[in-house]
Amino acid sequence: MLFESPYNVIEQADGYVRFVRRPVEYKSPEAMAEEAEALKATFPPARRATLHCLRDLRAARGNNDPSFEAVLRRTRLQVFKGWGRLAALMKSESGVLHCQRLFDGLDIVALVTVDEAEAVAHLRGR
């Protein structure tokens, strides 16, 4: 286990890290921000650059509350930017569109898909 919290778990996989969002809602916007800081401390930019990451968001629960949206806008670079390769795995095509919208204009390069095999192949350079 590389990282574990009530909200996320990160494990080493075959050639990449598997970063899974658990189906637990953040208890507050502050908890979400604290989680982003803990992730940044565990995976600073220099470390992220050497790793490929599968960000599995299929179990994530949406929260459209403006205070959570503000924290997400502020912290998404800490969580998503700078991985050697990044694939985001979504539950639905609408989730794919939402994730792509979150990445727009942020220089986050990622394959966003509902197909796990496609995501893994991307991370392995195929």
N, C-alpha and C. Protein backbone atom coordinates (compact mmCIF):
# COMPACT_ATOMS: atom_id res chain seq x y z
N MET A 1 0.84 -1.17 0.00
CA MET A 1 0.00 0.00 0.00
C MET A 1 0.89 1.24 0.00
N LEU A 2 0.68 2.11 -0.97
CA LEU A 2 1.48 3.34 -1.06
C LEU A 2 0.80 4.52 -0.35
N PHE A 3 -0.53 4.46 -0.30
CA PHE A 3 -1.31 5.53 0.35
C PHE A 3 -2.68 4.94 0.65
N GLU A 4 -3.22 5.31 1.83
CA GLU A 4 -4.56 4.85 2.16
C GLU A 4 -5.23 5.86 3.07
N SER A 5 -6.48 6.14 2.76
CA SER A 5 -7.31 7.02 3.57
C SER A 5 -8.75 6.52 3.45
N PRO A 6 -9.67 7.11 4.17
CA PRO A 6 -11.07 6.71 3.98
C PRO A 6 -11.57 7.00 2.56
N TYR A 7 -10.89 7.90 1.84
CA TYR A 7 -11.37 8.37 0.55
C TYR A 7 -10.66 7.76 -0.65
N ASN A 8 -9.41 7.40 -0.49
CA ASN A 8 -8.59 6.91 -1.60
C ASN A 8 -7.64 5.82 -1.13
N VAL A 9 -7.26 4.98 -2.07
CA VAL A 9 -6.22 3.99 -1.81
C VAL A 9 -5.33 3.95 -3.06
N ILE A 10 -4.02 3.88 -2.83
CA ILE A 10 -3.07 3.79 -3.93
C ILE A 10 -2.20 2.57 -3.69
N GLU A 11 -2.18 1.69 -4.69
CA GLU A 11 -1.39 0.46 -4.61
C GLU A 11 -0.50 0.35 -5.84
N GLN A 12 0.59 -0.35 -5.68
CA GLN A 12 1.46 -0.65 -6.82
C GLN A 12 0.79 -1.73 -7.66
N ALA A 13 0.73 -1.53 -8.95
CA ALA A 13 0.23 -2.52 -9.90
C ALA A 13 1.40 -2.91 -10.81
N ASP A 14 1.13 -3.65 -11.82
CA ASP A 14 2.17 -4.11 -12.75
C ASP A 14 2.54 -3.00 -13.73
N GLY A 15 3.52 -2.19 -13.36
CA GLY A 15 4.01 -1.12 -14.22
C GLY A 15 3.34 0.22 -14.02
N TYR A 16 2.47 0.34 -13.05
CA TYR A 16 1.79 1.61 -12.78
C TYR A 16 1.26 1.58 -11.35
N VAL A 17 0.77 2.72 -10.88
CA VAL A 17 0.09 2.75 -9.59
C VAL A 17 -1.41 2.84 -9.86
N ARG A 18 -2.15 2.13 -9.04
CA ARG A 18 -3.62 2.11 -9.14
C ARG A 18 -4.15 2.98 -8.00
N PHE A 19 -4.74 4.10 -8.37
CA PHE A 19 -5.18 5.15 -7.47
C PHE A 19 -6.71 5.15 -7.51
N VAL A 20 -7.33 4.53 -6.49
CA VAL A 20 -8.76 4.26 -6.51
C VAL A 20 -9.50 5.19 -5.54
N ARG A 21 -10.50 5.85 -6.08
CA ARG A 21 -11.40 6.68 -5.25
C ARG A 21 -12.45 5.77 -4.65
N ARG A 22 -12.50 5.76 -3.33
CA ARG A 22 -13.49 4.95 -2.62
C ARG A 22 -14.86 5.63 -2.66
N PRO A 23 -15.94 4.88 -2.42
CA PRO A 23 -17.29 5.46 -2.50
C PRO A 23 -17.72 6.22 -1.25
N VAL A 24 -16.78 6.79 -0.54
CA VAL A 24 -17.06 7.56 0.68
C VAL A 24 -17.01 9.04 0.35
N GLU A 25 -18.08 9.74 0.70
CA GLU A 25 -18.10 11.19 0.44
C GLU A 25 -17.16 11.91 1.41
N TYR A 26 -16.50 12.95 0.92
CA TYR A 26 -15.70 13.79 1.81
C TYR A 26 -16.65 14.42 2.83
N LYS A 27 -16.23 14.45 4.09
CA LYS A 27 -17.12 14.97 5.13
C LYS A 27 -17.24 16.49 5.07
N SER A 28 -16.27 17.15 4.42
CA SER A 28 -16.31 18.61 4.31
C SER A 28 -15.34 19.03 3.20
N PRO A 29 -15.49 20.26 2.71
CA PRO A 29 -14.51 20.76 1.74
C PRO A 29 -13.09 20.78 2.32
N GLU A 30 -12.99 21.05 3.62
CA GLU A 30 -11.67 21.07 4.26
C GLU A 30 -11.04 19.68 4.25
N ALA A 31 -11.84 18.64 4.45
CA ALA A 31 -11.32 17.26 4.40
C ALA A 31 -10.81 16.94 2.99
N MET A 32 -11.50 17.45 1.99
CA MET A 32 -11.07 17.24 0.61
C MET A 32 -9.74 17.94 0.35
N ALA A 33 -9.60 19.15 0.85
CA ALA A 33 -8.35 19.89 0.68
C ALA A 33 -7.20 19.22 1.45
N GLU A 34 -7.47 18.73 2.64
CA GLU A 34 -6.45 18.03 3.43
C GLU A 34 -5.99 16.76 2.72
N GLU A 35 -6.93 16.05 2.09
CA GLU A 35 -6.59 14.85 1.34
C GLU A 35 -5.66 15.20 0.17
N ALA A 36 -5.96 16.27 -0.53
CA ALA A 36 -5.11 16.69 -1.65
C ALA A 36 -3.70 17.02 -1.16
N GLU A 37 -3.59 17.67 -0.01
CA GLU A 37 -2.27 17.99 0.56
C GLU A 37 -1.51 16.72 0.93
N ALA A 38 -2.21 15.75 1.52
CA ALA A 38 -1.57 14.48 1.88
C ALA A 38 -1.09 13.74 0.63
N LEU A 39 -1.89 13.78 -0.42
CA LEU A 39 -1.49 13.14 -1.68
C LEU A 39 -0.28 13.83 -2.28
N LYS A 40 -0.28 15.15 -2.23
CA LYS A 40 0.85 15.91 -2.77
C LYS A 40 2.13 15.60 -1.98
N ALA A 41 2.01 15.45 -0.66
CA ALA A 41 3.17 15.14 0.16
C ALA A 41 3.70 13.73 -0.13
N THR A 42 2.79 12.79 -0.35
CA THR A 42 3.19 11.41 -0.63
C THR A 42 3.72 11.26 -2.05
N PHE A 43 3.13 12.01 -2.97
CA PHE A 43 3.52 11.94 -4.38
C PHE A 43 3.85 13.34 -4.89
N PRO A 44 5.00 13.89 -4.45
CA PRO A 44 5.39 15.22 -4.95
C PRO A 44 5.67 15.15 -6.45
N PRO A 45 5.73 16.29 -7.12
CA PRO A 45 5.91 16.29 -8.58
C PRO A 45 7.07 15.44 -9.08
N ALA A 46 8.20 15.46 -8.41
CA ALA A 46 9.35 14.67 -8.89
C ALA A 46 9.05 13.17 -8.85
N ARG A 47 8.34 12.74 -7.84
CA ARG A 47 7.98 11.31 -7.76
C ARG A 47 6.91 10.96 -8.79
N ARG A 48 5.90 11.83 -8.92
CA ARG A 48 4.83 11.57 -9.89
C ARG A 48 5.38 11.43 -11.31
N ALA A 49 6.36 12.23 -11.64
CA ALA A 49 6.91 12.22 -13.00
C ALA A 49 7.51 10.87 -13.38
N THR A 50 7.87 10.08 -12.38
CA THR A 50 8.50 8.77 -12.65
C THR A 50 7.48 7.63 -12.66
N LEU A 51 6.22 7.94 -12.40
CA LEU A 51 5.19 6.90 -12.27
C LEU A 51 4.08 7.07 -13.29
N HIS A 52 3.50 5.97 -13.68
CA HIS A 52 2.27 5.97 -14.48
C HIS A 52 1.12 5.69 -13.52
N CYS A 53 -0.02 6.32 -13.75
CA CYS A 53 -1.11 6.27 -12.78
C CYS A 53 -2.45 5.95 -13.45
N LEU A 54 -3.12 4.96 -12.91
CA LEU A 54 -4.50 4.68 -13.28
C LEU A 54 -5.37 5.27 -12.17
N ARG A 55 -6.08 6.32 -12.49
CA ARG A 55 -6.96 6.98 -11.51
C ARG A 55 -8.36 6.41 -11.72
N ASP A 56 -8.75 5.49 -10.87
CA ASP A 56 -10.03 4.81 -10.98
C ASP A 56 -11.08 5.60 -10.20
N LEU A 57 -11.95 6.25 -10.93
CA LEU A 57 -12.98 7.10 -10.32
C LEU A 57 -14.37 6.49 -10.42
N ARG A 58 -14.46 5.21 -10.75
CA ARG A 58 -15.77 4.59 -10.96
C ARG A 58 -16.64 4.60 -9.71
N ALA A 59 -16.07 4.53 -8.53
CA ALA A 59 -16.87 4.51 -7.30
C ALA A 59 -17.09 5.90 -6.71
N ALA A 60 -16.49 6.92 -7.32
CA ALA A 60 -16.60 8.28 -6.78
C ALA A 60 -18.06 8.73 -6.76
N ARG A 61 -18.41 9.44 -5.71
CA ARG A 61 -19.75 10.00 -5.61
C ARG A 61 -19.66 11.49 -5.90
N GLY A 62 -20.47 11.95 -6.79
CA GLY A 62 -20.44 13.36 -7.16
C GLY A 62 -20.96 14.25 -6.05
N ASN A 63 -20.49 15.48 -6.06
CA ASN A 63 -20.95 16.47 -5.11
C ASN A 63 -20.90 17.82 -5.81
N ASN A 64 -22.05 18.35 -6.15
CA ASN A 64 -22.11 19.61 -6.90
C ASN A 64 -22.22 20.84 -5.99
N ASP A 65 -22.01 20.65 -4.71
CA ASP A 65 -22.04 21.77 -3.78
C ASP A 65 -20.94 22.76 -4.19
N PRO A 66 -21.26 24.05 -4.29
CA PRO A 66 -20.26 25.03 -4.72
C PRO A 66 -18.98 25.04 -3.89
N SER A 67 -19.06 24.77 -2.60
CA SER A 67 -17.85 24.79 -1.78
C SER A 67 -16.93 23.62 -2.12
N PHE A 68 -17.50 22.46 -2.47
CA PHE A 68 -16.68 21.33 -2.90
C PHE A 68 -16.11 21.58 -4.29
N GLU A 69 -16.92 22.17 -5.17
CA GLU A 69 -16.44 22.49 -6.52
C GLU A 69 -15.25 23.45 -6.46
N ALA A 70 -15.30 24.41 -5.55
CA ALA A 70 -14.19 25.37 -5.41
C ALA A 70 -12.91 24.66 -4.97
N VAL A 71 -13.03 23.73 -4.02
CA VAL A 71 -11.85 22.99 -3.57
C VAL A 71 -11.32 22.11 -4.70
N LEU A 72 -12.21 21.47 -5.43
CA LEU A 72 -11.79 20.64 -6.55
C LEU A 72 -11.03 21.46 -7.59
N ARG A 73 -11.53 22.64 -7.91
CA ARG A 73 -10.83 23.51 -8.87
C ARG A 73 -9.43 23.85 -8.37
N ARG A 74 -9.32 24.08 -7.07
CA ARG A 74 -8.04 24.48 -6.47
C ARG A 74 -7.06 23.31 -6.33
N THR A 75 -7.56 22.10 -6.13
CA THR A 75 -6.68 20.97 -5.80
C THR A 75 -6.46 19.97 -6.93
N ARG A 76 -7.21 20.05 -8.00
CA ARG A 76 -7.09 19.00 -9.03
C ARG A 76 -5.70 18.90 -9.64
N LEU A 77 -4.95 19.99 -9.70
CA LEU A 77 -3.59 19.91 -10.21
C LEU A 77 -2.71 19.09 -9.27
N GLN A 78 -2.94 19.20 -7.95
CA GLN A 78 -2.17 18.43 -6.97
C GLN A 78 -2.40 16.93 -7.14
N VAL A 79 -3.56 16.55 -7.61
CA VAL A 79 -3.93 15.14 -7.71
C VAL A 79 -3.67 14.58 -9.10
N PHE A 80 -3.92 15.35 -10.14
CA PHE A 80 -3.92 14.82 -11.50
C PHE A 80 -2.72 15.19 -12.36
N LYS A 81 -2.06 16.28 -12.09
CA LYS A 81 -1.00 16.75 -13.00
C LYS A 81 0.36 16.13 -12.67
N GLY A 82 1.14 15.88 -13.72
CA GLY A 82 2.53 15.55 -13.55
C GLY A 82 2.89 14.08 -13.53
N TRP A 83 1.92 13.19 -13.66
CA TRP A 83 2.24 11.76 -13.73
C TRP A 83 2.95 11.47 -15.04
N GLY A 84 3.84 10.47 -15.04
CA GLY A 84 4.51 10.07 -16.28
C GLY A 84 3.48 9.81 -17.38
N ARG A 85 2.52 8.99 -17.08
CA ARG A 85 1.33 8.78 -17.91
C ARG A 85 0.15 8.68 -16.96
N LEU A 86 -1.00 9.17 -17.41
CA LEU A 86 -2.20 9.15 -16.59
C LEU A 86 -3.37 8.63 -17.41
N ALA A 87 -4.12 7.74 -16.81
CA ALA A 87 -5.40 7.31 -17.38
C ALA A 87 -6.44 7.45 -16.28
N ALA A 88 -7.57 8.03 -16.62
CA ALA A 88 -8.68 8.18 -15.68
C ALA A 88 -9.79 7.23 -16.12
N LEU A 89 -10.20 6.38 -15.22
CA LEU A 89 -11.20 5.37 -15.51
C LEU A 89 -12.52 5.81 -14.89
N MET A 90 -13.53 5.95 -15.75
CA MET A 90 -14.83 6.45 -15.32
C MET A 90 -15.88 5.35 -15.46
N LYS A 91 -17.00 5.52 -14.76
CA LYS A 91 -18.08 4.54 -14.78
C LYS A 91 -18.96 4.68 -16.02
N SER A 92 -19.08 5.89 -16.55
CA SER A 92 -20.00 6.14 -17.67
C SER A 92 -19.40 7.14 -18.65
N GLU A 93 -19.99 7.21 -19.81
CA GLU A 93 -19.55 8.19 -20.82
C GLU A 93 -19.81 9.62 -20.33
N SER A 94 -20.86 9.83 -19.57
CA SER A 94 -21.08 11.18 -19.03
C SER A 94 -19.98 11.52 -18.02
N GLY A 95 -19.48 10.51 -17.28
CA GLY A 95 -18.35 10.72 -16.39
C GLY A 95 -17.09 11.09 -17.16
N VAL A 96 -16.91 10.47 -18.32
CA VAL A 96 -15.77 10.80 -19.18
C VAL A 96 -15.84 12.28 -19.57
N LEU A 97 -17.01 12.72 -20.00
CA LEU A 97 -17.17 14.12 -20.40
C LEU A 97 -16.93 15.07 -19.23
N HIS A 98 -17.43 14.71 -18.05
CA HIS A 98 -17.23 15.55 -16.86
C HIS A 98 -15.74 15.64 -16.51
N CYS A 99 -15.05 14.52 -16.54
CA CYS A 99 -13.61 14.51 -16.22
C CYS A 99 -12.83 15.33 -17.24
N GLN A 100 -13.15 15.18 -18.51
CA GLN A 100 -12.47 15.96 -19.55
C GLN A 100 -12.71 17.45 -19.33
N ARG A 101 -13.91 17.80 -18.90
CA ARG A 101 -14.23 19.21 -18.61
C ARG A 101 -13.35 19.71 -17.46
N LEU A 102 -13.15 18.88 -16.45
CA LEU A 102 -12.32 19.28 -15.31
C LEU A 102 -10.86 19.50 -15.72
N PHE A 103 -10.40 18.77 -16.73
CA PHE A 103 -9.01 18.87 -17.18
C PHE A 103 -8.79 20.00 -18.19
N ASP A 104 -9.87 20.50 -18.80
CA ASP A 104 -9.75 21.53 -19.83
C ASP A 104 -8.92 22.72 -19.36
N GLY A 105 -7.95 23.10 -20.17
CA GLY A 105 -7.14 24.28 -19.92
C GLY A 105 -6.13 24.15 -18.80
N LEU A 106 -5.92 22.95 -18.29
CA LEU A 106 -5.01 22.77 -17.15
C LEU A 106 -3.73 22.06 -17.51
N ASP A 107 -3.52 21.76 -18.77
CA ASP A 107 -2.31 21.05 -19.19
C ASP A 107 -2.18 19.69 -18.49
N ILE A 108 -3.32 19.04 -18.28
CA ILE A 108 -3.33 17.68 -17.75
C ILE A 108 -3.52 16.75 -18.93
N VAL A 109 -2.51 15.92 -19.18
CA VAL A 109 -2.57 14.98 -20.30
C VAL A 109 -3.00 13.63 -19.75
N ALA A 110 -4.15 13.15 -20.22
CA ALA A 110 -4.67 11.89 -19.71
C ALA A 110 -5.58 11.24 -20.74
N LEU A 111 -5.59 9.93 -20.71
CA LEU A 111 -6.61 9.18 -21.42
C LEU A 111 -7.77 9.04 -20.44
N VAL A 112 -8.95 9.48 -20.82
CA VAL A 112 -10.13 9.36 -19.97
C VAL A 112 -11.06 8.39 -20.68
N THR A 113 -11.42 7.30 -19.99
CA THR A 113 -12.13 6.22 -20.65
C THR A 113 -13.00 5.44 -19.65
N VAL A 114 -13.87 4.60 -20.19
CA VAL A 114 -14.65 3.66 -19.38
C VAL A 114 -14.08 2.25 -19.53
N ASP A 115 -13.07 2.10 -20.35
CA ASP A 115 -12.50 0.79 -20.70
C ASP A 115 -11.19 0.57 -19.94
N GLU A 116 -11.22 -0.31 -18.94
CA GLU A 116 -10.02 -0.53 -18.11
C GLU A 116 -8.87 -1.11 -18.91
N ALA A 117 -9.15 -2.02 -19.83
CA ALA A 117 -8.07 -2.61 -20.64
C ALA A 117 -7.40 -1.54 -21.49
N GLU A 118 -8.17 -0.62 -22.04
CA GLU A 118 -7.61 0.48 -22.82
C GLU A 118 -6.74 1.37 -21.93
N ALA A 119 -7.21 1.65 -20.71
CA ALA A 119 -6.44 2.48 -19.79
C ALA A 119 -5.11 1.85 -19.43
N VAL A 120 -5.12 0.55 -19.12
CA VAL A 120 -3.90 -0.15 -18.76
C VAL A 120 -2.94 -0.21 -19.95
N ALA A 121 -3.46 -0.46 -21.14
CA ALA A 121 -2.61 -0.49 -22.34
C ALA A 121 -1.96 0.87 -22.55
N HIS A 122 -2.69 1.95 -22.32
CA HIS A 122 -2.14 3.29 -22.44
C HIS A 122 -0.98 3.49 -21.46
N LEU A 123 -1.17 3.05 -20.23
CA LEU A 123 -0.13 3.22 -19.21
C LEU A 123 1.11 2.38 -19.52
N ARG A 124 0.91 1.28 -20.18
CA ARG A 124 2.02 0.41 -20.52
C ARG A 124 2.63 0.77 -21.89
N GLY A 125 2.15 1.84 -22.49
CA GLY A 125 2.74 2.33 -23.74
C GLY A 125 2.31 1.60 -24.97
N ARG A 126 1.18 0.94 -24.91
CA ARG A 126 0.68 0.22 -26.08
C ARG A 126 -0.40 0.96 -26.80
